[in-house]
C-alpha atoms as a PDB file:
ATOM      1  CA  MET A   1      62.867  95.506 163.704  1.00  0.00           C
ATOM      2  CA  VAL A   2      64.787  93.296 161.288  1.00  0.00           C
ATOM      3  CA  ALA A   3      66.690  95.337 158.728  1.00  0.00           C
ATOM      4  CA  TYR A   4      66.642  94.261 155.100  1.00  0.00           C
ATOM      5  CA  GLY A   5      69.315  94.610 152.456  1.00  0.00           C
ATOM      6  CA  MET A   6      69.981  93.282 149.003  1.00  0.00           C
ATOM      7  CA  GLN A   7      72.804  91.892 146.931  1.00  0.00           C
ATOM      8  CA  LEU A   8      72.449  93.668 143.620  1.00  0.00           C
ATOM      9  CA  PRO A   9      71.772  91.895 140.339  1.00  0.00           C
ATOM     10  CA  VAL A  10      73.737  92.659 137.153  1.00  0.00           C
ATOM     11  CA  GLN A  11      77.066  93.128 138.975  1.00  0.00           C
ATOM     12  CA  SER A  12      77.505  89.375 139.421  1.00  0.00           C
ATOM     13  CA  GLN A  13      75.812  86.840 137.195  1.00  0.00           C
ATOM     14  CA  SER A  14      76.332  83.345 138.527  1.00  0.00           C
ATOM     15  CA  THR A  15      73.826  80.893 137.091  1.00  0.00           C
ATOM     16  CA  LEU A  16      72.851  80.044 140.679  1.00  0.00           C
ATOM     17  CA  TYR A  17      70.849  83.240 140.970  1.00  0.00           C
ATOM     18  CA  ALA A  18      71.050  85.531 137.924  1.00  0.00           C
ATOM     19  CA  GLU A  19      67.831  86.202 136.011  1.00  0.00           C
ATOM     20  CA  PRO A  20      67.907  85.999 132.198  1.00  0.00           C
ATOM     21  CA  TRP A  21      67.303  89.747 131.757  1.00  0.00           C
ATOM     22  CA  GLU A  22      70.535  90.601 133.599  1.00  0.00           C
ATOM     23  CA  ALA A  23      72.692  89.505 130.644  1.00  0.00           C
ATOM     24  CA  GLY A  24      71.556  92.561 128.679  1.00  0.00           C
ATOM     25  CA  ALA A  25      71.559  95.006 131.601  1.00  0.00           C
ATOM     26  CA  GLY A  26      74.135  97.668 132.334  1.00  0.00           C
ATOM     27  CA  PRO A  27      75.105 100.656 134.494  1.00  0.00           C
ATOM     28  CA  ASP A  28      71.826 102.547 134.075  1.00  0.00           C
ATOM     29  CA  ASP A  29      69.853  99.534 135.274  1.00  0.00           C
ATOM     30  CA  LEU A  30      72.190  98.993 138.197  1.00  0.00           C
ATOM     31  CA  ALA A  31      71.866 102.640 139.197  1.00  0.00           C
ATOM     32  CA  GLU A  32      68.072 102.532 139.029  1.00  0.00           C
ATOM     33  CA  ILE A  33      67.941  99.466 141.238  1.00  0.00           C
ATOM     34  CA  ALA A  34      70.259 101.090 143.787  1.00  0.00           C
ATOM     35  CA  ARG A  35      68.174 104.290 143.765  1.00  0.00           C
ATOM     36  CA  THR A  36      65.064 102.198 144.358  1.00  0.00           C
ATOM     37  CA  ALA A  37      66.750 100.538 147.331  1.00  0.00           C
ATOM     38  CA  ASP A  38      67.735 103.967 148.631  1.00  0.00           C
ATOM     39  CA  ARG A  39      64.154 105.256 148.413  1.00  0.00           C
ATOM     40  CA  ALA A  40      62.598 102.056 149.769  1.00  0.00           C
ATOM     41  CA  GLY A  41      64.484 101.932 153.047  1.00  0.00           C
ATOM     42  CA  PHE A  42      66.869  99.087 152.273  1.00  0.00           C
ATOM     43  CA  ALA A  43      69.673  99.015 154.828  1.00  0.00           C
ATOM     44  CA  TYR A  44      72.338  98.229 152.246  1.00  0.00           C
ATOM     45  CA  VAL A  45      73.115  97.262 148.693  1.00  0.00           C
ATOM     46  CA  ALA A  46      75.842  94.659 148.243  1.00  0.00           C
ATOM     47  CA  VAL A  47      78.274  93.607 145.541  1.00  0.00           C
ATOM     48  CA  CYS A  48      80.599  90.608 145.120  1.00  0.00           C
ATOM     49  CA  ASP A  49      84.312  90.195 144.472  1.00  0.00           C
ATOM     50  CA  HIS A  50      86.102  88.013 141.944  1.00  0.00           C
ATOM     51  CA  VAL A  51      89.190  89.103 140.017  1.00  0.00           C
ATOM     52  CA  ALA A  52      88.984  86.489 137.257  1.00  0.00           C
ATOM     53  CA  ILE A  53      87.041  83.288 136.631  1.00  0.00           C
ATOM     54  CA  PRO A  54      88.831  80.208 135.244  1.00  0.00           C
ATOM     55  CA  ARG A  55      87.383  78.526 132.178  1.00  0.00           C
ATOM     56  CA  ARG A  56      86.468  75.419 134.151  1.00  0.00           C
ATOM     57  CA  LEU A  57      84.011  77.442 136.243  1.00  0.00           C
ATOM     58  CA  ALA A  58      82.833  79.967 133.674  1.00  0.00           C
ATOM     59  CA  ASP A  59      79.737  78.061 132.561  1.00  0.00           C
ATOM     60  CA  ALA A  60      78.391  78.012 136.112  1.00  0.00           C
ATOM     61  CA  MET A  61      79.758  81.256 137.507  1.00  0.00           C
ATOM     62  CA  SER A  62      79.939  83.338 134.296  1.00  0.00           C
ATOM     63  CA  THR A  63      82.747  85.857 133.961  1.00  0.00           C
ATOM     64  CA  VAL A  64      80.560  88.876 134.859  1.00  0.00           C
ATOM     65  CA  TRP A  65      81.816  90.108 138.216  1.00  0.00           C
ATOM     66  CA  TYR A  66      82.086  93.879 138.587  1.00  0.00           C
ATOM     67  CA  ASP A  67      84.889  95.260 140.734  1.00  0.00           C
ATOM     68  CA  PRO A  68      83.390  95.952 144.181  1.00  0.00           C
ATOM     69  CA  VAL A  69      85.152  99.223 144.975  1.00  0.00           C
ATOM     70  CA  ALA A  70      84.492 100.775 141.574  1.00  0.00           C
ATOM     71  CA  THR A  71      80.876  99.614 141.632  1.00  0.00           C
ATOM     72  CA  LEU A  72      80.140 100.798 145.174  1.00  0.00           C
ATOM     73  CA  ALA A  73      81.773 104.163 144.452  1.00  0.00           C
ATOM     74  CA  PHE A  74      79.592 104.547 141.362  1.00  0.00           C
ATOM     75  CA  LEU A  75      76.497 103.690 143.394  1.00  0.00           C
ATOM     76  CA  ALA A  76      77.512 106.041 146.202  1.00  0.00           C
ATOM     77  CA  GLY A  77      77.253 108.870 143.705  1.00  0.00           C
ATOM     78  CA  VAL A  78      73.653 108.067 142.749  1.00  0.00           C
ATOM     79  CA  THR A  79      72.286 107.327 146.249  1.00  0.00           C
ATOM     80  CA  ASP A  80      71.977 109.261 149.489  1.00  0.00           C
ATOM     81  CA  ARG A  81      71.515 106.999 152.510  1.00  0.00           C
ATOM     82  CA  VAL A  82      71.714 103.286 151.711  1.00  0.00           C
ATOM     83  CA  ARG A  83      74.831 101.597 153.057  1.00  0.00           C
ATOM     84  CA  LEU A  84      77.414 100.045 150.720  1.00  0.00           C
ATOM     85  CA  LEU A  85      78.400  96.448 151.490  1.00  0.00           C
ATOM     86  CA  SER A  86      81.085  94.253 149.962  1.00  0.00           C
ATOM     87  CA  HIS A  87      79.615  90.757 150.165  1.00  0.00           C
ATOM     88  CA  VAL A  88      82.265  89.670 150.251  1.00  0.00           C
ATOM     89  CA  ALA A  89      85.630  91.197 149.485  1.00  0.00           C
ATOM     90  CA  VAL A  90      88.309  88.509 149.171  1.00  0.00           C
ATOM     91  CA  VAL A  91      90.786  90.678 151.023  1.00  0.00           C
ATOM     92  CA  GLY A  92      93.497  88.014 151.069  1.00  0.00           C
ATOM     93  CA  LEU A  93      94.070  88.639 147.362  1.00  0.00           C
ATOM     94  CA  ARG A  94      95.439  92.111 148.100  1.00  0.00           C
ATOM     95  CA  HIS A  95      97.827  93.669 150.576  1.00  0.00           C
ATOM     96  CA  PRO A  96      95.874  95.178 153.507  1.00  0.00           C
ATOM     97  CA  LEU A  97      97.249  98.652 152.773  1.00  0.00           C
ATOM     98  CA  VAL A  98      95.854  98.457 149.237  1.00  0.00           C
ATOM     99  CA  THR A  99      92.479  97.311 150.546  1.00  0.00           C
ATOM    100  CA  ALA A 100      92.511 100.014 153.220  1.00  0.00           C
ATOM    101  CA  LYS A 101      93.332 102.744 150.704  1.00  0.00           C
ATOM    102  CA  GLN A 102      90.451 101.702 148.448  1.00  0.00           C
ATOM    103  CA  TYR A 103      87.788 101.249 151.088  1.00  0.00           C
ATOM    104  CA  ALA A 104      88.818 104.219 153.250  1.00  0.00           C
ATOM    105  CA  THR A 105      88.466 106.404 150.178  1.00  0.00           C
ATOM    106  CA  LEU A 106      85.071 104.864 149.443  1.00  0.00           C
ATOM    107  CA  ASP A 107      83.896 105.519 152.992  1.00  0.00           C
ATOM    108  CA  HIS A 108      85.184 109.082 152.824  1.00  0.00           C
ATOM    109  CA  LEU A 109      83.511 109.807 149.486  1.00  0.00           C
ATOM    110  CA  SER A 110      80.202 108.229 150.520  1.00  0.00           C
ATOM    111  CA  GLY A 111      79.941 110.093 153.807  1.00  0.00           C
ATOM    112  CA  GLY A 112      80.517 107.028 155.976  1.00  0.00           C
ATOM    113  CA  ARG A 113      78.273 104.427 154.366  1.00  0.00           C
ATOM    114  CA  LEU A 114      80.695 101.506 153.973  1.00  0.00           C
ATOM    115  CA  VAL A 115      80.191  98.083 155.516  1.00  0.00           C
ATOM    116  CA  LEU A 116      83.248  95.976 154.748  1.00  0.00           C
ATOM    117  CA  GLY A 117      82.260  92.358 154.306  1.00  0.00           C
ATOM    118  CA  VAL A 118      85.205  89.977 153.974  1.00  0.00           C
ATOM    119  CA  GLY A 119      85.656  86.313 153.145  1.00  0.00           C
ATOM    120  CA  ALA A 120      88.296  83.712 152.401  1.00  0.00           C
ATOM    121  CA  GLY A 121      87.532  83.060 148.716  1.00  0.00           C
ATOM    122  CA  HIS A 122      87.166  79.721 146.959  1.00  0.00           C
ATOM    123  CA  VAL A 123      88.692  79.885 143.454  1.00  0.00           C
ATOM    124  CA  ARG A 124      92.204  78.436 143.505  1.00  0.00           C
ATOM    125  CA  GLU A 125      93.218  79.846 140.124  1.00  0.00           C
ATOM    126  CA  GLU A 126      92.581  83.425 141.261  1.00  0.00           C
ATOM    127  CA  PHE A 127      94.981  83.013 144.155  1.00  0.00           C
ATOM    128  CA  GLU A 128      97.618  81.295 142.042  1.00  0.00           C
ATOM    129  CA  ALA A 129      97.482  83.978 139.341  1.00  0.00           C
ATOM    130  CA  LEU A 130      98.023  86.689 141.961  1.00  0.00           C
ATOM    131  CA  GLY A 131     100.792  84.821 143.752  1.00  0.00           C
ATOM    132  CA  VAL A 132      98.791  84.113 146.939  1.00  0.00           C
ATOM    133  CA  ASP A 133      98.863  80.728 148.686  1.00  0.00           C
ATOM    134  CA  PHE A 134      95.348  79.302 148.277  1.00  0.00           C
ATOM    135  CA  ASP A 135      95.816  76.666 150.958  1.00  0.00           C
ATOM    136  CA  MET A 136      96.748  79.327 153.517  1.00  0.00           C
ATOM    137  CA  ARG A 137      93.844  81.632 152.686  1.00  0.00           C
ATOM    138  CA  GLY A 138      92.176  81.215 156.083  1.00  0.00           C
ATOM    139  CA  ALA A 139      95.294  82.248 157.979  1.00  0.00           C
ATOM    140  CA  VAL A 140      95.879  85.091 155.524  1.00  0.00           C
ATOM    141  CA  LEU A 141      92.315  86.313 156.062  1.00  0.00           C
ATOM    142  CA  ASP A 142      92.696  86.180 159.846  1.00  0.00           C
ATOM    143  CA  GLU A 143      95.784  88.363 159.699  1.00  0.00           C
ATOM    144  CA  SER A 144      94.280  90.612 157.036  1.00  0.00           C
ATOM    145  CA  ILE A 145      91.321  91.367 159.295  1.00  0.00           C
ATOM    146  CA  ASP A 146      93.659  92.404 162.114  1.00  0.00           C
ATOM    147  CA  ALA A 147      95.718  94.523 159.730  1.00  0.00           C
ATOM    148  CA  LEU A 148      92.590  96.171 158.318  1.00  0.00           C
ATOM    149  CA  ARG A 149      91.368  97.020 161.813  1.00  0.00           C
ATOM    150  CA  ALA A 150      94.540  99.067 162.193  1.00  0.00           C
ATOM    151  CA  ALA A 151      94.667 100.463 158.668  1.00  0.00           C
ATOM    152  CA  LEU A 152      91.010 101.592 158.677  1.00  0.00           C
ATOM    153  CA  GLY A 153      91.211 103.184 162.103  1.00  0.00           C
ATOM    154  CA  PRO A 154      91.561 106.890 162.832  1.00  0.00           C
ATOM    155  CA  GLN A 155      95.368 107.047 162.683  1.00  0.00           C
ATOM    156  CA  GLU A 156      96.952 108.725 159.688  1.00  0.00           C
ATOM    157  CA  TYR A 157     100.012 106.517 160.224  1.00  0.00           C
ATOM    158  CA  PRO A 158      98.602 103.132 161.232  1.00  0.00           C
ATOM    159  CA  GLU A 159     100.868 100.439 162.634  1.00  0.00           C
ATOM    160  CA  PHE A 160     100.640  96.678 162.386  1.00  0.00           C
ATOM    161  CA  SER A 161     103.081  93.798 162.752  1.00  0.00           C
ATOM    162  CA  GLY A 162     102.141  90.228 161.877  1.00  0.00           C
ATOM    163  CA  GLU A 163     103.600  87.113 160.312  1.00  0.00           C
ATOM    164  CA  ARG A 164     102.833  88.185 156.729  1.00  0.00           C
ATOM    165  CA  PHE A 165     102.151  91.919 156.862  1.00  0.00           C
ATOM    166  CA  ALA A 166     103.831  94.765 158.689  1.00  0.00           C
ATOM    167  CA  PHE A 167     103.633  98.514 158.285  1.00  0.00           C
ATOM    168  CA  LYS A 168     104.365 101.710 160.194  1.00  0.00           C
ATOM    169  CA  ASP A 169     105.307 105.301 159.396  1.00  0.00           C
ATOM    170  CA  LEU A 170     103.259 105.115 156.198  1.00  0.00           C
ATOM    171  CA  GLY A 171     100.510 107.719 156.052  1.00  0.00           C
ATOM    172  CA  GLN A 172      97.193 107.200 154.320  1.00  0.00           C
ATOM    173  CA  ARG A 173      94.632 109.905 153.833  1.00  0.00           C
ATOM    174  CA  PRO A 174      91.750 110.401 153.470  1.00  0.00           C
ATOM    175  CA  ARG A 175      90.710 108.507 156.561  1.00  0.00           C
ATOM    176  CA  PRO A 176      87.300 106.790 156.674  1.00  0.00           C
ATOM    177  CA  ALA A 177      84.418 109.063 157.582  1.00  0.00           C
ATOM    178  CA  GLN A 178      83.259 106.546 160.180  1.00  0.00           C
ATOM    179  CA  PRO A 179      85.184 106.232 163.450  1.00  0.00           C
ATOM    180  CA  LEU A 180      84.776 102.469 163.090  1.00  0.00           C
ATOM    181  CA  VAL A 181      84.075 100.827 159.741  1.00  0.00           C
ATOM    182  CA  PRO A 182      81.797  97.815 160.418  1.00  0.00           C
ATOM    183  CA  LEU A 183      83.550  94.617 159.436  1.00  0.00           C
ATOM    184  CA  TRP A 184      81.287  91.646 158.707  1.00  0.00           C
ATOM    185  CA  VAL A 185      82.753  88.202 158.093  1.00  0.00           C
ATOM    186  CA  GLY A 186      81.219  85.890 155.515  1.00  0.00           C
ATOM    187  CA  GLY A 187      81.089  82.114 155.378  1.00  0.00           C
ATOM    188  CA  SER A 188      79.396  79.189 157.069  1.00  0.00           C
ATOM    189  CA  SER A 189      82.180  76.680 157.666  1.00  0.00           C
ATOM    190  CA  PRO A 190      83.230  76.135 161.289  1.00  0.00           C
ATOM    191  CA  ALA A 191      86.356  78.223 160.672  1.00  0.00           C
ATOM    192  CA  ALA A 192      84.348  81.059 159.115  1.00  0.00           C
ATOM    193  CA  VAL A 193      81.788  81.081 161.936  1.00  0.00           C
ATOM    194  CA  ARG A 194      84.557  81.183 164.505  1.00  0.00           C
ATOM    195  CA  ARG A 195      86.305  83.967 162.613  1.00  0.00           C
ATOM    196  CA  ALA A 196      83.095  85.999 162.456  1.00  0.00           C
ATOM    197  CA  ALA A 197      82.395  85.518 166.150  1.00  0.00           C
ATOM    198  CA  LEU A 198      85.871  86.425 167.366  1.00  0.00           C
ATOM    199  CA  LYS A 199      87.041  88.977 164.797  1.00  0.00           C
ATOM    200  CA  GLY A 200      83.948  90.493 163.198  1.00  0.00           C
ATOM    201  CA  ASP A 201      81.273  93.069 163.951  1.00  0.00           C
ATOM    202  CA  GLY A 202      78.805  90.863 162.112  1.00  0.00           C
ATOM    203  CA  TRP A 203      78.310  87.523 160.377  1.00  0.00           C
ATOM    204  CA  LEU A 204      77.222  86.956 156.770  1.00  0.00           C
ATOM    205  CA  PRO A 205      76.234  83.297 156.408  1.00  0.00           C
ATOM    206  CA  GLN A 206      76.510  81.748 152.974  1.00  0.00           C
ATOM    207  CA  GLY A 207      73.550  79.593 152.071  1.00  0.00           C
ATOM    208  CA  ASP A 208      72.610  78.263 155.491  1.00  0.00           C
ATOM    209  CA  PRO A 209      69.047  76.904 155.326  1.00  0.00           C
ATOM    210  CA  ARG A 210      66.620  78.008 158.004  1.00  0.00           C
ATOM    211  CA  ASP A 211      66.885  74.802 159.987  1.00  0.00           C
ATOM    212  CA  ARG A 212      70.642  75.193 160.319  1.00  0.00           C
ATOM    213  CA  LEU A 213      70.751  78.834 161.382  1.00  0.00           C
ATOM    214  CA  PRO A 214      69.723  78.509 165.057  1.00  0.00           C
ATOM    215  CA  ALA A 215      72.620  76.175 165.840  1.00  0.00           C
ATOM    216  CA  GLN A 216      75.042  78.411 163.959  1.00  0.00           C
ATOM    217  CA  ILE A 217      73.827  81.497 165.812  1.00  0.00           C
ATOM    218  CA  ALA A 218      74.127  79.663 169.122  1.00  0.00           C
ATOM    219  CA  THR A 219      77.731  78.822 168.251  1.00  0.00           C
ATOM    220  CA  VAL A 220      78.485  82.473 167.483  1.00  0.00           C
ATOM    221  CA  ARG A 221      76.996  83.571 170.803  1.00  0.00           C
ATOM    222  CA  ALA A 222      78.853  80.905 172.764  1.00  0.00           C
ATOM    223  CA  LEU A 223      82.187  81.784 171.174  1.00  0.00           C
ATOM    224  CA  ARG A 224      81.757  85.467 171.896  1.00  0.00           C
ATOM    225  CA  GLU A 225      80.650  84.837 175.455  1.00  0.00           C
ATOM    226  CA  ALA A 226      83.594  82.521 176.118  1.00  0.00           C
ATOM    227  CA  ALA A 227      85.961  85.175 174.767  1.00  0.00           C
ATOM    228  CA  GLY A 228      84.352  87.892 176.885  1.00  0.00           C
ATOM    229  CA  ILE A 229      83.332  89.952 173.845  1.00  0.00           C
ATOM    230  CA  GLU A 230      80.405  92.245 174.653  1.00  0.00           C
ATOM    231  CA  ALA A 231      80.478  94.617 171.664  1.00  0.00           C
ATOM    232  CA  PRO A 232      77.369  94.825 169.463  1.00  0.00           C
ATOM    233  CA  PHE A 233      77.220  92.158 166.767  1.00  0.00           C
ATOM    234  CA  THR A 234      75.022  91.900 163.650  1.00  0.00           C
ATOM    235  CA  VAL A 235      73.749  88.458 162.667  1.00  0.00           C
ATOM    236  CA  GLY A 236      72.651  88.186 159.050  1.00  0.00           C
ATOM    237  CA  ALA A 237      70.791  85.665 156.929  1.00  0.00           C
ATOM    238  CA  ILE A 238      70.075  85.179 153.236  1.00  0.00           C
ATOM    239  CA  THR A 239      66.412  84.477 152.624  1.00  0.00           C
ATOM    240  CA  GLU A 240      64.809  82.277 150.032  1.00  0.00           C
ATOM    241  CA  PRO A 241      64.079  83.973 146.683  1.00  0.00           C
ATOM    242  CA  LEU A 242      61.009  86.183 147.169  1.00  0.00           C
ATOM    243  CA  TYR A 243      58.023  87.315 145.158  1.00  0.00           C
ATOM    244  CA  VAL A 244      55.446  89.640 146.698  1.00  0.00           C
ATOM    245  CA  GLY A 245      52.085  88.465 145.353  1.00  0.00           C
ATOM    246  CA  GLU A 246      51.310  85.429 143.239  1.00  0.00           C
ATOM    247  CA  PRO A 247      53.638  85.243 140.222  1.00  0.00           C
ATOM    248  CA  ALA A 248      51.816  84.896 136.913  1.00  0.00           C
ATOM    249  CA  TRP A 249      54.762  82.956 135.529  1.00  0.00           C
ATOM    250  CA  PRO A 250      56.640  79.806 136.563  1.00  0.00           C
ATOM    251  CA  THR A 251      59.463  80.844 138.866  1.00  0.00           C
ATOM    252  CA  GLY A 252      61.199  77.537 138.256  1.00  0.00           C
ATOM    253  CA  ARG A 253      62.784  77.144 141.692  1.00  0.00           C
ATOM    254  CA  PRO A 254      61.588  77.314 145.303  1.00  0.00           C
ATOM    255  CA  THR A 255      60.346  80.824 145.957  1.00  0.00           C
ATOM    256  CA  LEU A 256      58.657  82.371 148.978  1.00  0.00           C
ATOM    257  CA  ALA A 257      55.675  84.009 147.297  1.00  0.00           C
ATOM    258  CA  GLY A 258      52.188  85.133 148.243  1.00  0.00           C
ATOM    259  CA  LYS A 259      50.294  87.940 149.880  1.00  0.00           C
ATOM    260  CA  PRO A 260      52.452  90.455 151.757  1.00  0.00           C
ATOM    261  CA  ALA A 261      51.122  89.342 155.140  1.00  0.00           C
ATOM    262  CA  ALA A 262      52.057  85.728 154.436  1.00  0.00           C
ATOM    263  CA  VAL A 263      55.541  86.651 153.233  1.00  0.00           C
ATOM    264  CA  ALA A 264      56.076  88.804 156.329  1.00  0.00           C
ATOM    265  CA  GLU A 265      54.853  86.045 158.637  1.00  0.00           C
ATOM    266  CA  SER A 266      57.344  83.617 157.132  1.00  0.00           C
ATOM    267  CA  LEU A 267      60.232  86.087 157.322  1.00  0.00           C
ATOM    268  CA  ARG A 268      59.523  86.915 160.967  1.00  0.00           C
ATOM    269  CA  ALA A 269      60.944  83.494 161.806  1.00  0.00           C
ATOM    270  CA  TYR A 270      64.402  84.921 161.174  1.00  0.00           C
ATOM    271  CA  ALA A 271      64.009  87.465 163.960  1.00  0.00           C
ATOM    272  CA  VAL A 272      62.900  84.717 166.333  1.00  0.00           C
ATOM    273  CA  MET A 273      66.185  82.918 165.591  1.00  0.00           C
ATOM    274  CA  GLY A 274      68.170  86.019 166.535  1.00  0.00           C
ATOM    275  CA  VAL A 275      68.831  87.419 163.060  1.00  0.00           C
ATOM    276  CA  HIS A 276      69.256  91.205 162.854  1.00  0.00           C
ATOM    277  CA  GLN A 277      69.340  91.725 159.086  1.00  0.00           C
ATOM    278  CA  ILE A 278      68.061  89.678 156.179  1.00  0.00           C
ATOM    279  CA  GLN A 279      69.412  89.776 152.656  1.00  0.00           C
ATOM    280  CA  VAL A 280      66.592  89.445 150.144  1.00  0.00           C
ATOM    281  CA  ARG A 281      66.557  88.635 146.452  1.00  0.00           C
ATOM    282  CA  PHE A 282      63.463  88.874 144.248  1.00  0.00           C
ATOM    283  CA  ARG A 283      62.473  86.800 141.262  1.00  0.00           C
ATOM    284  CA  SER A 284      61.879  89.026 138.247  1.00  0.00           C
ATOM    285  CA  ARG A 285      61.736  89.122 134.452  1.00  0.00           C
ATOM    286  CA  SER A 286      62.870  92.723 133.958  1.00  0.00           C
ATOM    287  CA  VAL A 287      64.317  95.720 135.751  1.00  0.00           C
ATOM    288  CA  SER A 288      60.858  97.235 136.117  1.00  0.00           C
ATOM    289  CA  GLU A 289      59.428  94.067 137.653  1.00  0.00           C
ATOM    290  CA  LEU A 290      62.347  93.957 140.079  1.00  0.00           C
ATOM    291  CA  THR A 291      61.951  97.569 141.193  1.00  0.00           C
ATOM    292  CA  ASP A 292      58.194  97.022 141.539  1.00  0.00           C
ATOM    293  CA  GLN A 293      58.922  94.027 143.761  1.00  0.00           C
ATOM    294  CA  MET A 294      61.353  96.045 145.868  1.00  0.00           C
ATOM    295  CA  ALA A 295      58.807  98.827 146.336  1.00  0.00           C
ATOM    296  CA  ALA A 296      56.050  96.354 147.208  1.00  0.00           C
ATOM    297  CA  PHE A 297      58.277  94.648 149.747  1.00  0.00           C
ATOM    298  CA  ALA A 298      59.195  97.941 151.409  1.00  0.00           C
ATOM    299  CA  ALA A 299      55.610  99.181 151.519  1.00  0.00           C
ATOM    300  CA  ASP A 300      53.682  96.027 152.354  1.00  0.00           C
ATOM    301  CA  VAL A 301      56.059  93.468 153.884  1.00  0.00           C
ATOM    302  CA  ALA A 302      58.845  95.298 155.731  1.00  0.00           C
ATOM    303  CA  PRO A 303      56.545  97.161 158.175  1.00  0.00           C
ATOM    304  CA  HIS A 304      55.410  93.766 159.493  1.00  0.00           C
ATOM    305  CA  LEU A 305      58.812  92.215 160.121  1.00  0.00           C
ATOM    306  CA  ASP A 306      58.818  92.984 163.870  1.00  0.00           C
END
């Protein structure tokens, strides 16, 4: 069975995907959408991470980017079972001990529902403002992942020694509720795919079209096999925008729409490729239309994703 999750609207409002109604939405709407996901069997709800958007990118990206830890903690308090995913946390912007403190606390407070998704980041001005070398962000992320493995483990006094970060004899409690916090790596460049395969518990591709995914998945498998890694691994995919039923309005961009059986048949192709979880996003004109779409997907599409 392919699991299905969702990056939440409202909390990030890039013009690439935000619907017009999101500009006037707020915390109550975000909470209702998360509660709907919780009831409808979604595997996770996800939020993004940007500290600040430079003016040169603001028209395209907007400046609406909620803080991921604060947002996921808020949503943990209004949901019961859905997992909480950072998609993705730009962990290189912060010291690993700071990241570990935040996300360990989130996992503790949520009863072990965190999935830590990480990525390298792409906005130079953010790195420069925070005093982090943008051109070294890949190497910083590699070391940050190793440091986070230690800092999010069971030890009250974790130890790590690397080129950029080192710590020992520094206690952090509470510890995560999970014995092992799943760490998924985002990105679709060759470096990101390699990083996911060799350092992650899962891979979060960024915008790979369907025809590119099989080769990418084969690369992940080959890298892991060559390294002798046999641990479970979660392959993800981001689907096309969805609409269950025939929209009575012009969606304006390519959308997978139609009867539930047809939508399910199309989405089953992801499982054939070797995908374990799909991230879905629905076209909508209001919060109520979105939650109706989520419920329809869970009831009429998801049971046929085998």
